[in-house]
Amino acid sequence: MDYFLIIISYLVGSIPFGLLLGKLAGIDVRRDGSGNIGATNVSRLLGKKIGAVTLLLDAGKGLLPMAAAGALQFEQHIVMLCGAAAFIGHLFPLYLRFRGGKGVATALGIFLYLSPLALLICATAFFAAVFLSGFVSLGSLMAAALMPVVVFFHQGSSSCFYLAVFVSLLIWIKHRSNIIRLMHGEEKSWKKKKESEV
């Protein structure tokens, strides 16, 4: 039963909500914008409302498997593995030949369940970084890097901390192209987009 629930969590995490919502609107989000199936690219291509729906659905992929495992009174390590499996599913979805998103929204759901306080602190860092720099990717990277630190000081060297390290490392790896663009001054900025619309 334990392994079955973990497999189900991976399959739930693999559901490409951004791609599905784009298809309903007649757009393949993999072929436009950044080519990513996550909420940021969906928002750019289809508007903030559909982007927000994508964010909520992707976050739910991290939250619901863990909440289900917890409600069924599985041991803590199984709950953690369900969250990790859902996260891996989003990054490497079975349905898309293992080419998925970058994991930020799904990580949001995971830590909303595990540590709302840590999530609040990291979300504050995210919005501050995006507001000051104009780069969503930079905010995501800063929040991901901060999460293990906050969890460690809040919960110590726990299974939650090790999951935070795992999630943070994978988010940074999946953002490697963004890191290169940031270093070269080629990353897309929300500030520049707003200025061009004025």
Protein backbone atom coordinates (compact mmCIF):
# COMPACT_ATOMS: atom_id res chain seq x y z
CA MET A 1 0.00 0.00 0.00
CA ASP A 2 2.89 2.36 0.83
CA TYR A 3 4.53 1.97 -2.58
CA PHE A 4 1.17 2.18 -4.35
CA LEU A 5 0.46 5.55 -2.74
CA ILE A 6 3.91 6.85 -3.71
CA ILE A 7 3.38 5.75 -7.32
CA ILE A 8 -0.04 7.43 -7.38
CA SER A 9 1.60 10.59 -6.04
CA TYR A 10 4.08 10.54 -8.91
CA LEU A 11 1.30 10.06 -11.46
CA VAL A 12 -0.69 12.94 -9.95
CA GLY A 13 2.43 15.12 -10.03
CA SER A 14 2.89 14.23 -13.70
CA ILE A 15 -0.42 15.81 -14.74
CA PRO A 16 0.59 18.81 -16.94
CA PHE A 17 -2.12 21.26 -15.97
CA GLY A 18 -0.43 24.21 -17.72
CA LEU A 19 -0.26 22.29 -20.98
CA LEU A 20 -3.87 21.11 -20.68
CA LEU A 21 -5.19 24.61 -19.98
CA GLY A 22 -3.15 25.91 -22.91
CA LYS A 23 -4.61 23.24 -25.20
CA LEU A 24 -8.12 24.31 -24.19
CA ALA A 25 -7.21 27.83 -25.32
CA GLY A 26 -5.68 26.55 -28.55
CA ILE A 27 -2.05 27.14 -27.51
CA ASP A 28 0.76 24.66 -26.92
CA VAL A 29 2.69 26.41 -24.14
CA ARG A 30 5.74 24.27 -24.94
CA ARG A 31 6.08 26.01 -28.31
CA ASP A 32 5.64 29.62 -27.20
CA GLY A 33 7.18 31.93 -24.63
CA SER A 34 9.79 30.17 -22.53
CA GLY A 35 8.43 26.77 -23.58
CA ASN A 36 7.77 25.85 -19.96
CA ILE A 37 4.49 24.28 -18.80
CA GLY A 38 4.49 26.16 -15.50
CA ALA A 39 2.36 29.04 -14.25
CA THR A 40 4.78 31.83 -15.24
CA ASN A 41 4.81 30.92 -18.91
CA VAL A 42 1.08 30.18 -18.93
CA SER A 43 0.46 33.60 -17.41
CA ARG A 44 2.56 35.27 -20.10
CA LEU A 45 0.73 33.47 -22.91
CA LEU A 46 -2.83 33.16 -21.62
CA GLY A 47 -3.20 35.88 -19.01
CA LYS A 48 -2.95 36.17 -15.25
CA LYS A 49 -6.24 34.40 -14.47
CA ILE A 50 -5.32 31.17 -16.25
CA GLY A 51 -1.79 31.52 -14.89
CA ALA A 52 -3.23 31.69 -11.36
CA VAL A 53 -5.37 28.60 -12.01
CA THR A 54 -2.26 26.77 -13.22
CA LEU A 55 -0.40 27.84 -10.09
CA LEU A 56 -3.17 26.55 -7.82
CA LEU A 57 -3.46 23.24 -9.66
CA ASP A 58 0.29 22.67 -9.69
CA ALA A 59 0.47 23.53 -5.99
CA GLY A 60 -2.35 21.07 -5.36
CA LYS A 61 -0.24 18.33 -6.92
CA GLY A 62 2.23 18.76 -4.06
CA LEU A 63 -0.29 19.34 -1.29
CA LEU A 64 -2.99 16.74 -1.92
CA PRO A 65 -0.89 13.53 -2.04
CA MET A 66 0.77 14.48 1.25
CA ALA A 67 -2.53 15.46 2.83
CA ALA A 68 -4.05 12.15 1.69
CA ALA A 69 -1.14 10.16 3.13
CA GLY A 70 -1.41 12.11 6.38
CA ALA A 71 -5.18 11.62 6.59
CA LEU A 72 -4.69 7.88 6.07
CA GLN A 73 -2.26 7.97 9.00
CA PHE A 74 0.80 6.80 7.13
CA GLU A 75 4.15 7.27 8.82
CA GLN A 76 5.95 10.58 8.36
CA HIS A 77 8.55 9.22 5.95
CA ILE A 78 5.79 7.94 3.64
CA VAL A 79 4.14 11.36 3.68
CA MET A 80 7.49 12.89 2.74
CA LEU A 81 8.03 10.36 -0.04
CA CYS A 82 4.59 11.15 -1.45
CA GLY A 83 5.53 14.82 -1.62
CA ALA A 84 8.88 14.02 -3.21
CA ALA A 85 7.21 11.70 -5.75
CA ALA A 86 4.66 14.35 -6.73
CA PHE A 87 7.46 16.89 -7.10
CA ILE A 88 9.51 14.54 -9.29
CA GLY A 89 6.35 13.87 -11.31
CA HIS A 90 6.00 17.57 -12.09
CA LEU A 91 9.65 17.90 -13.09
CA PHE A 92 9.83 14.63 -15.00
CA PRO A 93 6.26 13.73 -16.02
CA LEU A 94 5.57 10.30 -17.44
CA TYR A 95 2.99 11.75 -19.84
CA LEU A 96 5.43 14.23 -21.46
CA ARG A 97 8.46 11.98 -21.92
CA PHE A 98 9.87 13.26 -18.62
CA ARG A 99 10.06 16.89 -19.78
CA GLY A 100 8.16 18.91 -17.23
CA GLY A 101 8.12 22.15 -15.30
CA LYS A 102 10.56 23.71 -12.85
CA GLY A 103 8.76 22.75 -9.67
CA VAL A 104 8.21 26.02 -7.84
CA ALA A 105 4.40 25.83 -7.63
CA THR A 106 4.44 22.16 -6.64
CA ALA A 107 7.04 22.95 -3.97
CA LEU A 108 4.65 25.64 -2.73
CA GLY A 109 2.01 22.98 -2.15
CA ILE A 110 4.47 20.68 -0.40
CA PHE A 111 5.57 23.30 2.12
CA LEU A 112 2.09 24.70 2.57
CA TYR A 113 1.36 21.28 4.06
CA LEU A 114 4.65 20.80 5.92
CA SER A 115 5.59 24.25 7.16
CA PRO A 116 3.31 27.21 6.43
CA LEU A 117 5.59 29.52 8.42
CA ALA A 118 8.64 28.61 6.32
CA LEU A 119 6.55 29.03 3.19
CA LEU A 120 5.42 32.50 4.30
CA ILE A 121 9.01 33.60 4.92
CA CYS A 122 10.21 32.24 1.57
CA ALA A 123 7.22 33.70 -0.27
CA THR A 124 8.08 37.10 1.21
CA ALA A 125 11.64 36.71 -0.10
CA PHE A 126 10.26 35.69 -3.49
CA PHE A 127 8.00 38.71 -3.88
CA ALA A 128 10.71 41.08 -2.62
CA ALA A 129 13.21 39.72 -5.14
CA VAL A 130 10.72 39.89 -8.02
CA PHE A 131 9.63 43.42 -7.06
CA LEU A 132 13.21 44.71 -6.81
CA SER A 133 14.69 42.88 -9.80
CA GLY A 134 11.75 42.19 -12.11
CA PHE A 135 12.88 38.59 -12.53
CA VAL A 136 10.51 35.79 -11.46
CA SER A 137 13.31 33.27 -11.88
CA LEU A 138 15.53 35.14 -9.42
CA GLY A 139 12.73 35.20 -6.87
CA SER A 140 12.19 31.47 -7.35
CA LEU A 141 15.90 30.73 -6.90
CA MET A 142 16.16 32.85 -3.77
CA ALA A 143 13.07 31.30 -2.21
CA ALA A 144 14.30 27.79 -3.03
CA ALA A 145 17.72 28.48 -1.53
CA LEU A 146 16.18 29.99 1.60
CA MET A 147 13.70 27.18 2.28
CA PRO A 148 16.15 24.58 3.70
CA VAL A 149 17.70 27.26 5.93
CA VAL A 150 14.34 28.37 7.34
CA VAL A 151 13.16 24.77 7.81
CA PHE A 152 16.40 23.87 9.60
CA PHE A 153 16.06 26.72 12.09
CA HIS A 154 12.36 25.99 12.54
CA GLN A 155 12.43 22.18 12.73
CA GLY A 156 16.09 21.18 12.98
CA SER A 157 17.68 18.32 11.07
CA SER A 158 14.37 16.61 10.37
CA SER A 159 12.94 14.70 7.41
CA CYS A 160 11.28 17.96 6.37
CA PHE A 161 14.72 19.60 6.20
CA TYR A 162 16.10 16.85 3.96
CA LEU A 163 13.08 17.13 1.67
CA ALA A 164 13.62 20.91 1.53
CA VAL A 165 17.26 20.38 0.48
CA PHE A 166 16.17 17.87 -2.17
CA VAL A 167 13.50 20.18 -3.57
CA SER A 168 15.79 23.22 -3.50
CA LEU A 169 18.58 21.46 -5.39
CA LEU A 170 16.23 20.22 -8.10
CA ILE A 171 14.66 23.67 -8.53
CA TRP A 172 18.12 25.17 -9.02
CA ILE A 173 19.06 22.44 -11.50
CA LYS A 174 15.85 22.98 -13.47
CA HIS A 175 16.54 26.73 -13.53
CA ARG A 176 20.04 26.35 -14.96
CA SER A 177 19.06 28.01 -18.27
CA ASN A 178 17.55 30.93 -16.31
CA ILE A 179 20.75 31.25 -14.28
CA ILE A 180 22.79 31.50 -17.48
CA ARG A 181 20.44 34.15 -18.89
CA LEU A 182 20.57 36.11 -15.62
CA MET A 183 24.36 36.07 -15.73
CA HIS A 184 24.35 37.29 -19.33
CA GLY A 185 21.64 39.92 -18.79
CA GLU A 186 19.26 38.12 -21.16
CA GLU A 187 16.52 37.02 -18.74
CA LYS A 188 13.00 38.33 -19.37
CA SER A 189 11.88 40.96 -16.87
CA TRP A 190 8.33 41.75 -15.81
CA LYS A 191 9.40 45.34 -15.23
CA LYS A 192 10.52 45.78 -18.84
CA LYS A 193 7.29 44.24 -20.06
CA LYS A 194 5.21 46.70 -18.03
CA GLU A 195 7.33 49.63 -19.21
CA SER A 196 6.81 48.60 -22.85
CA GLU A 197 3.04 48.50 -22.30
CA VAL A 198 2.90 52.05 -20.90
